[in-house]
Amino acid sequence: MKTYHGTILTVDSNDTIASYLVEDGGRIVFVGTDLPDCYRQGEIIELDARALCPTFADTHIHLASYATFSAGLNVMNATSNKEIAAMVRRFGASSTAKLLIVFGASPYSVAEGRLVSREELDAACPDRPLALIKYDGHACVINTALLERLRKKLAPLRGYHPDTGEMNQEAFFAVSDYISGSLSIPELVRNIQQAIDRLARRGIGMVHSVSGVGFPANLDISLETWLARSAQHGFQLRIFPQSLDTREAQKRRLPRIGGCFKCALDGCFGSADAAMRQPYRNSQESGVLYYDDATVIDFCKRANRAGLQIEMHAIGDAAFDQATRALRTALEDCPRKDHRHGIIHACLPTERGLCICQDYGIQLPMQPAFIDWRQEPDSYLGELLGDERAAKLNPLRSLWDRGIVLSAGSDGPCTDPDPLLWMHRACNHSNPQEALTVQEALRMCTFNGYWTTFDDKERGSLEAGKVADMVVLSANPYTTDITGLKTLHVEETILEGKPYTDQSQKPLAAIMRGIAAH
């Protein structure tokens, strides 16, 4: 039995701040302001100036991709293509990988104002295949060595640009599939385990992983399912198969389906292919809707009838409208009171679509890290969309005041998962009228994330009877100036009452244990 004394941010329905929390056997047995005598015999942990809060939930991460790219070279902080080329050259000299993976390039955060070209990659790495994935995870640049290996497969596909080496849309998906297929199972499992350790160190106790990204027979879904059952130290995974085929979820007995890739209704702003109701500024183009309404409605009807929870990617306003139309039609076809269907990103929601979200209980897993994002700065978004539309992006306050449930996700590897940064961005919105309070931001990043996948009865708030999944923060965010929220840090992550320690199982043992636990 352990007793925590100090500032306890419960994130219960009243946002109660308690003085004592008692944990016993991995469960919270008491929370309150005065400690009863029956709990005074256990170990007392003084928080002093620190604060205890629930663990965070990342409600949208591509776990296998995040794990894979984290094991490669990250160039997000580079300020020029010249610097990226030098980093690639050093990485190639030190890595023994047969296929080099580089992640995070943005044309909007480098001095040249453009992506690295195939020619520049060839100069830095002429001999081995290399894929440089764009920061948004929707495009890449490949060198000649990889282009020659994939030319026949890529040439017929939309988004194929051999002159620059840039691959978008279906051509990018084909490159992504090739990268996925190049990894060995032990290598992938170990990468995922290391990714879980990084997430836990950030105070994250649960992730919603969208999976199914090109592995044979969707092996990544199977591996993550097994690792979810065998993960040590209480870390939680909730898996969404990225498929329009409901059988991908049903045959694995998963209660949910959706994500990006095959469940993406449009592209993104970084590649100017998010589906818009009106053309982009100074352009005749309005992005891409990947499917017609009939296809999306048919998928939603089948999934909803099967009792599955549905989530779909929609960034542009046209895609958001399509998602809400499809979910409304599915719920009118087969009404369900507590479905918790969601629309991922929802960067530019419409009034019509938001009315549907309110009326039909549709939740929104959003990405606060997209606000004031270095890889996709406000200046670029204003130029792309026009200032009026850009000011309406990620309208957290407007959504919150409508009573729509918002949760927070990283969209990793697009952004590095960091819940305290999510809170900072939500409370310091580039449009101040759309900012949340600290209490609201903490709820979005904790309780609401667990609610989203029906885990709120066990986790997400610090209340008696719930699992003791908790985070020790370096200071109390409620009393920290909002401009300093990003300076807070996680001192300790506690899952099921115990301080988190790294995953230690060998890959094969973790897989076999997960299979046996079925």
Protein backbone atom coordinates (compact mmCIF):
# COMPACT_ATOMS: atom_id res chain seq x y z
CA MET A 1 0.00 0.00 0.00
CA LYS A 2 1.26 3.47 -0.95
CA THR A 3 -0.15 6.85 -0.06
CA TYR A 4 0.56 9.91 -2.23
CA HIS A 5 0.29 13.23 -0.43
CA GLY A 6 0.17 16.58 -2.16
CA THR A 7 -1.61 17.90 -5.24
CA ILE A 8 -3.79 15.16 -6.75
CA LEU A 9 -5.47 16.23 -10.02
CA THR A 10 -8.22 13.64 -10.25
CA VAL A 11 -9.85 14.73 -13.56
CA ASP A 12 -13.10 13.32 -12.19
CA SER A 13 -16.43 14.81 -13.28
CA ASN A 14 -15.87 17.81 -10.98
CA ASP A 15 -12.12 18.23 -11.64
CA THR A 16 -11.59 17.64 -7.92
CA ILE A 17 -8.18 18.43 -6.47
CA ALA A 18 -7.46 16.02 -3.62
CA SER A 19 -4.67 15.87 -1.04
CA TYR A 20 -4.34 12.11 -0.61
CA LEU A 21 -4.46 9.09 -2.90
CA VAL A 22 -4.00 5.55 -1.64
CA GLU A 23 -2.97 2.72 -4.00
CA ASP A 24 -3.11 -0.94 -3.05
CA GLY A 25 -2.59 -3.93 -5.32
CA GLY A 26 -2.59 -1.79 -8.45
CA ARG A 27 -5.94 -0.14 -7.65
CA ILE A 28 -6.86 3.22 -6.19
CA VAL A 29 -8.61 2.54 -2.88
CA PHE A 30 -8.99 6.09 -1.56
CA VAL A 31 -8.91 9.67 -2.83
CA GLY A 32 -9.72 12.62 -0.60
CA THR A 33 -8.64 15.62 1.44
CA ASP A 34 -8.28 13.89 4.82
CA LEU A 35 -6.54 10.53 5.22
CA PRO A 36 -8.55 7.97 7.25
CA ASP A 37 -6.69 6.24 10.07
CA CYS A 38 -6.92 2.86 8.35
CA TYR A 39 -4.56 4.06 5.61
CA ARG A 40 -1.92 5.71 7.80
CA GLN A 41 0.24 2.59 8.16
CA GLY A 42 1.45 2.38 4.56
CA GLU A 43 4.33 4.14 2.82
CA ILE A 44 3.71 7.86 2.32
CA ILE A 45 5.14 9.53 -0.79
CA GLU A 46 5.33 13.31 -0.50
CA LEU A 47 4.76 15.09 -3.80
CA ASP A 48 5.92 18.47 -2.47
CA ALA A 49 5.72 20.93 -5.41
CA ARG A 50 4.90 18.17 -7.87
CA ALA A 51 1.46 16.98 -8.96
CA LEU A 52 -0.16 13.59 -9.59
CA CYS A 53 -2.56 13.18 -12.50
CA PRO A 54 -3.96 10.33 -14.65
CA THR A 55 -1.80 8.88 -17.41
CA PHE A 56 -2.21 10.40 -20.86
CA ALA A 57 -3.80 8.64 -23.83
CA ASP A 58 -2.55 9.07 -27.41
CA THR A 59 -5.72 8.55 -29.41
CA HIS A 60 -4.14 8.47 -32.86
CA ILE A 61 -0.73 7.00 -33.56
CA HIS A 62 0.64 4.79 -36.32
CA LEU A 63 2.56 2.65 -33.86
CA ALA A 64 4.39 0.37 -36.30
CA SER A 65 5.38 3.33 -38.48
CA TYR A 66 6.35 5.43 -35.47
CA ALA A 67 8.47 2.55 -34.20
CA THR A 68 10.08 1.97 -37.60
CA PHE A 69 10.85 5.61 -38.32
CA SER A 70 12.10 6.23 -34.78
CA ALA A 71 14.71 3.55 -35.42
CA GLY A 72 15.89 5.48 -38.49
CA LEU A 73 17.08 9.06 -38.99
CA ASN A 74 14.87 11.96 -37.88
CA VAL A 75 15.54 15.26 -39.69
CA MET A 76 12.63 17.31 -38.30
CA ASN A 77 14.94 19.83 -36.64
CA ALA A 78 17.08 20.45 -39.72
CA THR A 79 16.99 24.03 -40.96
CA SER A 80 18.21 23.44 -44.53
CA ASN A 81 18.36 20.74 -47.17
CA LYS A 82 22.12 21.03 -47.06
CA GLU A 83 21.98 20.02 -43.41
CA ILE A 84 19.63 17.13 -44.23
CA ALA A 85 22.02 15.89 -46.93
CA ALA A 86 24.91 15.97 -44.45
CA MET A 87 22.83 14.08 -41.88
CA VAL A 88 21.91 11.47 -44.50
CA ARG A 89 25.57 11.06 -45.48
CA ARG A 90 26.61 10.46 -41.86
CA PHE A 91 23.65 8.13 -41.27
CA GLY A 92 24.52 6.05 -44.32
CA ALA A 93 28.11 5.74 -43.20
CA SER A 94 27.15 4.51 -39.73
CA SER A 95 24.10 2.32 -40.51
CA THR A 96 24.25 -1.28 -41.66
CA ALA A 97 20.60 -1.35 -42.79
CA LYS A 98 19.92 -2.56 -46.32
CA LEU A 99 17.20 0.08 -46.72
CA LEU A 100 17.79 3.50 -45.15
CA ILE A 101 14.74 5.24 -43.70
CA VAL A 102 14.79 8.99 -43.04
CA PHE A 103 11.80 10.85 -41.61
CA GLY A 104 10.56 14.38 -41.02
CA ALA A 105 11.54 16.52 -44.02
CA SER A 106 9.40 19.62 -44.54
CA PRO A 107 9.68 22.17 -47.35
CA TYR A 108 8.25 24.79 -44.99
CA SER A 109 10.91 24.66 -42.28
CA VAL A 110 14.10 24.72 -44.36
CA ALA A 111 15.91 27.65 -45.92
CA GLU A 112 15.42 26.39 -49.49
CA GLY A 113 11.64 26.26 -49.16
CA ARG A 114 11.39 22.92 -50.96
CA LEU A 115 11.82 19.22 -50.36
CA VAL A 116 15.17 17.55 -50.84
CA SER A 117 15.42 16.23 -54.39
CA ARG A 118 16.31 12.78 -55.67
CA GLU A 119 19.52 14.26 -57.06
CA GLU A 120 20.55 15.58 -53.63
CA LEU A 121 19.78 12.21 -52.02
CA ASP A 122 21.84 10.45 -54.68
CA ALA A 123 24.82 12.66 -53.89
CA ALA A 124 24.49 11.88 -50.17
CA CYS A 125 23.66 8.18 -50.58
CA PRO A 126 24.34 6.77 -54.06
CA ASP A 127 24.71 3.06 -53.33
CA ARG A 128 21.88 1.93 -51.04
CA PRO A 129 18.09 2.36 -51.39
CA LEU A 130 16.82 5.28 -49.31
CA ALA A 131 13.38 6.68 -48.59
CA LEU A 132 13.02 10.12 -47.03
CA ILE A 133 9.48 10.33 -45.61
CA LYS A 134 7.85 13.74 -45.52
CA TYR A 135 6.87 15.05 -42.07
CA ASP A 136 3.14 14.56 -42.70
CA GLY A 137 3.48 10.87 -43.52
CA HIS A 138 1.68 11.38 -46.84
CA ALA A 139 4.61 11.67 -49.25
CA CYS A 140 8.28 10.76 -49.62
CA VAL A 141 11.34 11.32 -51.76
CA ILE A 142 13.34 8.28 -52.87
CA ASN A 143 16.83 8.04 -54.29
CA THR A 144 17.68 6.44 -57.63
CA ALA A 145 18.70 3.14 -56.06
CA LEU A 146 15.18 2.69 -54.66
CA LEU A 147 13.47 4.18 -57.70
CA GLU A 148 15.07 1.61 -60.00
CA ARG A 149 13.97 -1.18 -57.70
CA LEU A 150 10.33 0.01 -57.66
CA ARG A 151 9.92 1.78 -61.02
CA LYS A 152 7.63 -0.82 -62.65
CA LYS A 153 5.35 -0.90 -59.64
CA LEU A 154 5.24 2.88 -59.17
CA ALA A 155 4.98 4.08 -62.78
CA PRO A 156 1.21 3.43 -63.26
CA LEU A 157 0.22 4.99 -59.94
CA ARG A 158 -1.13 8.42 -59.12
CA GLY A 159 1.47 10.60 -57.42
CA TYR A 160 4.51 9.16 -59.27
CA HIS A 161 7.16 11.84 -59.94
CA PRO A 162 10.44 10.18 -61.02
CA ASP A 163 12.13 13.46 -61.97
CA THR A 164 12.18 14.80 -58.40
CA GLY A 165 11.84 11.41 -56.72
CA GLU A 166 8.75 12.63 -54.84
CA MET A 167 5.99 10.08 -54.38
CA ASN A 168 2.48 11.11 -53.33
CA GLN A 169 -0.88 9.42 -52.86
CA GLU A 170 -0.99 5.85 -54.24
CA ALA A 171 2.69 5.94 -55.24
CA PHE A 172 3.62 6.85 -51.68
CA PHE A 173 1.45 4.06 -50.28
CA ALA A 174 3.32 1.60 -52.52
CA VAL A 175 6.68 2.83 -51.20
CA SER A 176 5.33 2.58 -47.64
CA ASP A 177 4.25 -1.00 -48.34
CA TYR A 178 7.74 -1.82 -49.61
CA ILE A 179 9.35 -0.34 -46.49
CA SER A 180 7.01 -2.36 -44.26
CA GLY A 181 7.79 -5.56 -46.12
CA SER A 182 11.53 -5.06 -45.78
CA LEU A 183 11.51 -5.43 -41.98
CA SER A 184 12.07 -8.72 -40.19
CA ILE A 185 9.55 -9.72 -37.54
CA PRO A 186 12.05 -9.63 -34.62
CA GLU A 187 13.27 -6.21 -35.77
CA LEU A 188 9.74 -4.83 -35.95
CA VAL A 189 8.75 -6.25 -32.56
CA ARG A 190 11.82 -4.83 -30.86
CA ASN A 191 11.21 -1.44 -32.50
CA ILE A 192 7.63 -1.46 -31.19
CA GLN A 193 8.79 -2.40 -27.71
CA GLN A 194 11.28 0.47 -27.70
CA ALA A 195 8.56 2.81 -28.95
CA ILE A 196 6.28 1.75 -26.08
CA ASP A 197 9.10 2.55 -23.64
CA ARG A 198 9.50 6.05 -25.15
CA LEU A 199 5.76 6.66 -24.95
CA ALA A 200 5.57 5.53 -21.32
CA ARG A 201 8.42 7.85 -20.39
CA ARG A 202 6.26 10.70 -21.73
CA GLY A 203 3.48 9.72 -19.32
CA ILE A 204 1.38 7.91 -21.92
CA GLY A 205 -0.37 4.81 -20.57
CA MET A 206 -2.51 3.95 -23.58
CA VAL A 207 -2.29 4.39 -27.33
CA HIS A 208 -4.87 3.93 -30.06
CA SER A 209 -2.81 2.46 -32.86
CA VAL A 210 -4.07 2.58 -36.44
CA SER A 211 -2.53 -0.41 -38.17
CA GLY A 212 -2.49 -2.21 -41.49
CA VAL A 213 0.16 -0.40 -43.55
CA GLY A 214 1.44 -2.85 -46.11
CA PHE A 215 2.72 -5.84 -44.16
CA PRO A 216 1.86 -9.19 -45.73
CA ALA A 217 -1.54 -10.39 -44.48
CA ASN A 218 -1.61 -7.22 -42.30
CA LEU A 219 1.04 -8.74 -40.07
CA ASP A 220 1.43 -5.49 -38.14
CA ILE A 221 -2.16 -5.77 -36.89
CA SER A 222 -1.51 -9.30 -35.69
CA LEU A 223 1.79 -8.39 -34.06
CA GLU A 224 0.32 -5.39 -32.27
CA THR A 225 -2.64 -7.49 -31.13
CA TRP A 226 -0.28 -10.05 -29.63
CA LEU A 227 1.93 -7.37 -28.09
CA ALA A 228 -1.16 -5.69 -26.62
CA ARG A 229 -1.90 -8.92 -24.74
CA SER A 230 1.67 -9.51 -23.62
CA ALA A 231 2.90 -5.94 -22.96
CA GLN A 232 4.59 -5.79 -19.58
CA HIS A 233 3.98 -3.34 -16.78
CA GLY A 234 0.40 -2.42 -17.69
CA PHE A 235 0.86 -0.46 -20.91
CA GLN A 236 -2.39 -0.47 -22.93
CA LEU A 237 -2.84 -0.76 -26.72
CA ARG A 238 -6.14 -0.34 -28.56
CA ILE A 239 -5.86 -1.29 -32.21
CA PHE A 240 -7.84 0.03 -35.19
CA PRO A 241 -7.34 -1.95 -38.44
CA GLN A 242 -7.01 0.56 -41.29
CA SER A 243 -9.36 -1.20 -43.66
CA LEU A 244 -12.74 -0.84 -45.34
CA ASP A 245 -13.18 -4.59 -44.94
CA THR A 246 -14.92 -5.24 -41.63
CA ARG A 247 -13.57 -8.80 -41.62
CA GLU A 248 -10.10 -7.45 -40.77
CA ALA A 249 -11.47 -6.48 -37.36
CA GLN A 250 -13.97 -9.29 -36.89
CA LYS A 251 -11.59 -12.18 -37.55
CA ARG A 252 -9.26 -10.77 -34.88
CA ARG A 253 -12.17 -10.10 -32.52
CA LEU A 254 -11.31 -6.41 -32.43
CA PRO A 255 -14.27 -4.14 -31.60
CA ARG A 256 -13.13 -1.22 -33.74
CA ILE A 257 -11.98 -0.31 -37.25
CA GLY A 258 -10.59 2.75 -39.02
CA GLY A 259 -7.71 5.18 -39.18
CA CYS A 260 -5.84 6.59 -42.17
CA PHE A 261 -4.48 4.97 -45.36
CA LYS A 262 -7.44 2.89 -46.60
CA CYS A 263 -9.71 4.72 -44.14
CA ALA A 264 -8.45 8.16 -45.16
CA LEU A 265 -11.09 10.15 -46.98
CA ASP A 266 -8.60 12.75 -48.22
CA GLY A 267 -4.96 13.80 -48.12
CA CYS A 268 -3.39 16.61 -46.09
CA PHE A 269 -2.51 20.29 -46.21
CA GLY A 270 1.22 19.60 -46.47
CA SER A 271 0.71 17.98 -49.88
CA ALA A 272 -2.21 20.27 -50.80
CA ASP A 273 -4.50 17.31 -51.35
CA ALA A 274 -6.84 17.64 -48.37
CA ALA A 275 -10.34 17.72 -49.88
CA MET A 276 -11.77 21.24 -49.82
CA ARG A 277 -15.23 22.58 -50.59
CA GLN A 278 -13.62 25.56 -52.34
CA PRO A 279 -10.30 25.60 -54.26
CA TYR A 280 -7.05 26.40 -52.54
CA ARG A 281 -5.98 30.03 -52.63
CA ASN A 282 -4.57 31.08 -56.01
CA SER A 283 -5.36 27.65 -57.44
CA GLN A 284 -8.03 25.77 -59.35
CA GLU A 285 -7.37 22.63 -57.32
CA SER A 286 -9.46 21.62 -54.31
CA GLY A 287 -7.72 18.45 -53.16
CA VAL A 288 -8.73 14.82 -53.45
CA LEU A 289 -11.62 12.80 -52.07
CA TYR A 290 -10.34 9.24 -52.23
CA TYR A 291 -13.81 7.67 -52.31
CA ASP A 292 -17.30 8.56 -53.47
CA ASP A 293 -20.10 8.87 -50.94
CA ALA A 294 -21.58 5.47 -51.83
CA THR A 295 -18.34 3.68 -50.92
CA VAL A 296 -17.93 5.45 -47.59
CA ILE A 297 -21.59 5.02 -46.65
CA ASP A 298 -21.48 1.32 -47.50
CA PHE A 299 -18.42 0.85 -45.26
CA CYS A 300 -19.98 2.76 -42.37
CA LYS A 301 -23.24 0.84 -42.64
CA ARG A 302 -21.48 -2.54 -42.62
CA ALA A 303 -19.20 -1.62 -39.73
CA ASN A 304 -21.97 -0.04 -37.68
CA ARG A 305 -24.31 -3.02 -38.21
CA ALA A 306 -21.48 -5.28 -37.06
CA GLY A 307 -21.26 -3.33 -33.79
CA LEU A 308 -17.80 -1.95 -34.56
CA GLN A 309 -16.53 1.45 -33.50
CA ILE A 310 -15.60 3.49 -36.59
CA GLU A 311 -12.96 6.17 -37.06
CA MET A 312 -11.98 7.84 -40.34
CA HIS A 313 -9.35 10.39 -41.38
CA ALA A 314 -10.75 13.71 -42.63
CA ILE A 315 -8.66 16.88 -42.79
CA GLY A 316 -10.34 19.15 -45.34
CA ASP A 317 -13.88 20.51 -44.94
CA ALA A 318 -15.20 18.45 -47.88
CA ALA A 319 -13.83 15.27 -46.31
CA PHE A 320 -15.29 16.22 -42.93
CA ASP A 321 -18.70 16.68 -44.51
CA GLN A 322 -18.41 13.31 -46.25
CA ALA A 323 -17.48 11.57 -42.99
CA THR A 324 -20.39 13.09 -41.08
CA ARG A 325 -22.87 12.28 -43.87
CA ALA A 326 -21.72 8.66 -43.93
CA LEU A 327 -21.85 8.21 -40.15
CA ARG A 328 -25.27 9.83 -39.93
CA THR A 329 -26.61 7.55 -42.66
CA ALA A 330 -25.16 4.48 -40.93
CA LEU A 331 -26.67 5.43 -37.57
CA GLU A 332 -30.06 6.11 -39.12
CA ASP A 333 -29.84 2.72 -40.81
CA CYS A 334 -28.98 0.97 -37.52
CA PRO A 335 -29.34 3.24 -34.46
CA ARG A 336 -26.86 2.72 -31.61
CA LYS A 337 -26.91 4.71 -28.38
CA ASP A 338 -23.23 4.44 -27.40
CA HIS A 339 -21.17 3.84 -30.54
CA ARG A 340 -18.37 6.40 -29.97
CA HIS A 341 -17.67 6.70 -33.69
CA GLY A 342 -15.08 9.36 -34.48
CA ILE A 343 -13.54 11.56 -37.15
CA ILE A 344 -9.75 11.81 -36.89
CA HIS A 345 -8.01 15.20 -37.34
CA ALA A 346 -11.17 17.21 -38.17
CA CYS A 347 -8.87 20.15 -38.88
CA LEU A 348 -11.44 22.21 -40.78
CA PRO A 349 -14.92 21.18 -39.60
CA THR A 350 -18.07 22.68 -41.10
CA GLU A 351 -21.20 23.99 -39.40
CA ARG A 352 -23.32 21.35 -41.13
CA GLY A 353 -20.98 18.56 -40.09
CA LEU A 354 -20.71 19.78 -36.51
CA CYS A 355 -24.49 19.74 -36.14
CA ILE A 356 -24.37 16.07 -37.15
CA CYS A 357 -21.60 15.43 -34.60
CA GLN A 358 -23.73 16.99 -31.87
CA ASP A 359 -26.93 15.21 -32.85
CA TYR A 360 -25.36 11.77 -33.35
CA GLY A 361 -22.67 11.78 -30.65
CA ILE A 362 -19.62 11.70 -32.93
CA GLN A 363 -16.31 12.29 -31.13
CA LEU A 364 -13.16 13.91 -32.54
CA PRO A 365 -9.60 12.60 -31.92
CA MET A 366 -7.63 15.76 -32.74
CA GLN A 367 -3.97 16.77 -32.90
CA PRO A 368 -3.15 19.86 -30.80
CA ALA A 369 0.46 19.44 -31.93
CA PHE A 370 -0.67 20.68 -35.37
CA ILE A 371 -1.26 24.13 -33.86
CA ASP A 372 1.73 26.44 -34.43
CA TRP A 373 3.54 23.47 -35.97
CA ARG A 374 7.07 24.13 -37.20
CA GLN A 375 6.75 21.61 -40.03
CA GLU A 376 3.51 23.25 -41.25
CA PRO A 377 3.67 26.87 -40.07
CA ASP A 378 0.78 29.31 -39.97
CA SER A 379 2.39 31.38 -42.73
CA TYR A 380 2.21 28.41 -45.11
CA LEU A 381 -1.38 27.56 -44.13
CA GLY A 382 -2.45 31.17 -44.64
CA GLU A 383 -0.86 31.21 -48.06
CA LEU A 384 -2.44 27.87 -48.98
CA LEU A 385 -5.94 28.42 -47.60
CA GLY A 386 -6.29 32.16 -47.23
CA ASP A 387 -6.31 33.86 -43.85
CA GLU A 388 -10.05 33.44 -43.26
CA ARG A 389 -10.02 29.65 -43.64
CA ALA A 390 -6.67 29.28 -41.88
CA ALA A 391 -8.09 31.07 -38.81
CA LYS A 392 -10.76 28.35 -38.55
CA LEU A 393 -8.31 25.44 -38.28
CA ASN A 394 -8.43 23.23 -35.16
CA PRO A 395 -11.22 25.23 -33.46
CA LEU A 396 -10.90 23.57 -30.06
CA ARG A 397 -12.93 26.09 -28.05
CA SER A 398 -15.82 26.12 -30.53
CA LEU A 399 -15.95 22.33 -30.53
CA TRP A 400 -15.66 22.03 -26.75
CA ASP A 401 -18.47 24.52 -26.17
CA ARG A 402 -20.76 22.45 -28.39
CA GLY A 403 -20.28 19.49 -26.05
CA ILE A 404 -18.42 17.41 -28.63
CA VAL A 405 -15.92 15.06 -26.96
CA LEU A 406 -12.34 15.95 -27.98
CA SER A 407 -9.32 13.76 -27.34
CA ALA A 408 -5.68 14.25 -28.24
CA GLY A 409 -3.32 12.21 -30.39
CA SER A 410 0.10 12.69 -31.88
CA ASP A 411 -0.48 11.23 -35.35
CA GLY A 412 3.00 9.83 -34.69
CA PRO A 413 5.36 9.66 -36.46
CA CYS A 414 4.08 12.95 -37.94
CA THR A 415 4.67 14.58 -34.56
CA ASP A 416 6.68 13.24 -31.65
CA PRO A 417 4.19 12.20 -28.93
CA ASP A 418 4.38 14.78 -26.13
CA PRO A 419 1.18 15.30 -24.07
CA LEU A 420 2.53 18.32 -22.22
CA LEU A 421 3.17 19.97 -25.58
CA TRP A 422 -0.40 19.08 -26.61
CA MET A 423 -1.67 20.87 -23.51
CA HIS A 424 0.59 23.84 -24.18
CA ARG A 425 -0.63 24.20 -27.77
CA ALA A 426 -4.28 23.78 -26.78
CA CYS A 427 -4.00 26.51 -24.12
CA ASN A 428 -1.84 28.82 -26.28
CA HIS A 429 -3.76 28.45 -29.54
CA SER A 430 -2.52 30.62 -32.42
CA ASN A 431 -6.12 31.86 -32.54
CA PRO A 432 -6.64 32.87 -28.88
CA GLN A 433 -10.42 32.62 -29.21
CA GLU A 434 -10.05 28.86 -29.78
CA ALA A 435 -7.86 28.15 -26.72
CA LEU A 436 -8.87 25.74 -23.94
CA THR A 437 -8.36 26.15 -20.22
CA VAL A 438 -5.69 24.02 -18.55
CA GLN A 439 -8.36 21.88 -16.90
CA GLU A 440 -10.04 21.25 -20.24
CA ALA A 441 -6.73 20.49 -21.94
CA LEU A 442 -5.78 17.98 -19.24
CA ARG A 443 -9.19 16.27 -19.59
CA MET A 444 -8.79 16.14 -23.37
CA CYS A 445 -5.38 14.47 -22.99
CA THR A 446 -6.39 12.04 -20.23
CA PHE A 447 -9.98 11.07 -19.40
CA ASN A 448 -11.45 11.78 -22.84
CA GLY A 449 -8.85 9.57 -24.50
CA TYR A 450 -9.80 6.63 -22.30
CA TRP A 451 -13.50 7.37 -22.77
CA THR A 452 -13.05 7.21 -26.52
CA THR A 453 -12.42 3.45 -26.47
CA PHE A 454 -14.76 2.62 -23.57
CA ASP A 455 -11.88 2.44 -21.05
CA ASP A 456 -13.17 5.21 -18.79
CA LYS A 457 -14.67 2.86 -16.20
CA GLU A 458 -11.20 1.49 -15.44
CA ARG A 459 -8.80 4.31 -16.31
CA GLY A 460 -8.55 7.98 -17.23
CA SER A 461 -9.27 9.59 -13.85
CA LEU A 462 -7.97 9.14 -10.33
CA GLU A 463 -10.97 7.72 -8.49
CA ALA A 464 -11.43 4.94 -5.96
CA GLY A 465 -11.87 1.58 -7.64
CA LYS A 466 -9.97 2.46 -10.81
CA VAL A 467 -6.61 1.14 -11.96
CA ALA A 468 -3.72 3.15 -10.50
CA ASP A 469 -2.37 4.50 -13.81
CA MET A 470 -0.79 7.81 -12.82
CA VAL A 471 1.82 10.37 -13.77
CA VAL A 472 4.00 12.46 -11.47
CA LEU A 473 4.45 15.90 -13.05
CA SER A 474 7.26 18.24 -12.13
CA ALA A 475 4.75 20.94 -11.10
CA ASN A 476 1.02 21.60 -10.94
CA PRO A 477 -0.21 22.60 -14.42
CA TYR A 478 -3.27 24.30 -12.90
CA THR A 479 -1.07 26.86 -11.18
CA THR A 480 1.58 27.12 -13.91
CA ASP A 481 1.40 30.11 -16.24
CA ILE A 482 -0.07 28.76 -19.47
CA THR A 483 2.90 30.04 -21.48
CA GLY A 484 5.13 27.76 -19.40
CA LEU A 485 3.18 24.51 -19.71
CA LYS A 486 5.68 23.06 -22.18
CA THR A 487 8.43 23.45 -19.58
CA LEU A 488 6.77 20.88 -17.31
CA HIS A 489 8.02 17.33 -17.53
CA VAL A 490 7.01 13.84 -16.51
CA GLU A 491 9.05 12.66 -13.53
CA GLU A 492 7.53 9.20 -13.26
CA THR A 493 4.91 7.05 -14.95
CA ILE A 494 3.07 4.60 -12.70
CA LEU A 495 1.04 1.82 -14.31
CA GLU A 496 -1.08 -0.53 -12.23
CA GLY A 497 0.48 1.01 -9.13
CA LYS A 498 4.10 0.33 -10.11
CA PRO A 499 6.75 2.61 -11.64
CA TYR A 500 7.05 1.78 -15.33
CA THR A 501 10.15 -0.11 -16.41
CA ASP A 502 11.20 -0.92 -19.96
CA GLN A 503 9.84 -3.89 -21.88
CA SER A 504 12.29 -6.77 -21.33
CA GLN A 505 10.78 -9.75 -23.17
CA LYS A 506 12.56 -11.16 -26.18
CA PRO A 507 10.54 -10.60 -29.39
CA LEU A 508 9.63 -14.27 -29.87
CA ALA A 509 8.65 -14.67 -26.21
CA ALA A 510 6.43 -11.57 -26.41
CA ILE A 511 4.68 -12.92 -29.52
CA MET A 512 4.14 -16.40 -28.10
CA ARG A 513 2.84 -15.02 -24.83
CA GLY A 514 0.39 -12.82 -26.74
CA ILE A 515 -0.84 -15.72 -28.86
CA ALA A 516 -1.28 -17.91 -25.78
CA ALA A 517 -3.28 -15.20 -24.03
CA HIS A 518 -5.95 -15.26 -26.74
